[in-house]
Amino acid sequence: MKPGGGGRFAALEHALSQKPGVRDPGAVAASIGKKKFGEAKMAKFSSAGRKRRAAEIASKVKRPA
């Protein structure tokens, strides 16, 4: 998956959760991403992910006719 899709972040988060002593794997993954991509680009990825998730939820909601 390309950067910004969320799959690589989730994979890293899962890998970190398996390591002993890691209390918050999401925070560690975010820290690694900020170091690699910069804070602005990570914010852009996060925003895109929230929009993608909102669209996914909206498509599943059944609206009355």
Protein backbone atom coordinates (compact mmCIF):
# COMPACT_ATOMS: atom_id res chain seq x y z
CA MET A 1 0.00 0.00 0.00
CA LYS A 2 1.25 3.47 -0.79
CA PRO A 3 1.85 6.09 1.91
CA GLY A 4 -1.34 7.69 3.15
CA GLY A 5 -3.51 4.62 2.64
CA GLY A 6 -3.35 3.53 6.26
CA GLY A 7 -2.28 -0.06 5.64
CA ARG A 8 1.38 0.52 6.28
CA PHE A 9 0.59 2.45 9.47
CA ALA A 10 -1.66 -0.36 10.69
CA ALA A 11 1.01 -2.96 9.91
CA LEU A 12 3.65 -0.98 11.80
CA GLU A 13 1.26 -0.47 14.70
CA HIS A 14 0.59 -4.21 14.84
CA ALA A 15 4.30 -5.05 14.71
CA LEU A 16 5.00 -2.58 17.52
CA SER A 17 2.21 -4.02 19.65
CA GLN A 18 4.02 -7.37 19.62
CA LYS A 19 7.18 -5.87 21.12
CA PRO A 20 7.55 -5.95 24.89
CA GLY A 21 7.46 -2.61 26.69
CA VAL A 22 5.46 -0.72 24.06
CA ARG A 23 2.43 0.74 25.83
CA ASP A 24 0.89 2.75 22.98
CA PRO A 25 1.89 1.33 19.58
CA GLY A 26 -0.19 3.93 17.72
CA ALA A 27 1.75 6.77 19.31
CA VAL A 28 5.09 5.13 18.52
CA ALA A 29 4.01 4.54 14.90
CA ALA A 30 2.90 8.18 14.61
CA SER A 31 6.22 9.34 16.01
CA ILE A 32 8.13 7.23 13.47
CA GLY A 33 5.92 8.58 10.67
CA LYS A 34 6.43 12.19 11.75
CA LYS A 35 10.17 11.65 11.75
CA LYS A 36 10.07 10.08 8.27
CA PHE A 37 7.46 12.24 6.51
CA GLY A 38 7.27 15.39 8.63
CA GLU A 39 4.43 16.68 10.75
CA ALA A 40 2.55 18.41 7.89
CA LYS A 41 2.48 15.34 5.67
CA MET A 42 1.38 13.09 8.54
CA ALA A 43 -1.45 15.55 9.24
CA LYS A 44 -2.44 15.32 5.57
CA PHE A 45 -2.45 11.50 5.75
CA SER A 46 -4.54 11.64 8.92
CA SER A 47 -7.06 14.01 7.38
CA ALA A 48 -7.39 11.83 4.30
CA GLY A 49 -7.93 8.78 6.50
CA ARG A 50 -10.66 10.48 8.51
CA LYS A 51 -12.42 11.56 5.29
CA ARG A 52 -12.11 8.06 3.85
CA ARG A 53 -13.55 6.53 7.03
CA ALA A 54 -16.44 9.02 7.14
CA ALA A 55 -17.31 8.24 3.53
CA GLU A 56 -17.19 4.51 4.28
CA ILE A 57 -19.55 4.91 7.23
CA ALA A 58 -21.88 7.18 5.26
CA SER A 59 -22.17 4.62 2.48
CA LYS A 60 -23.23 1.93 4.97
CA VAL A 61 -25.91 4.04 6.69
CA LYS A 62 -29.39 3.27 5.43
CA ARG A 63 -31.41 6.40 4.94
CA PRO A 64 -35.21 6.37 4.87
CA ALA A 65 -36.76 6.97 1.45
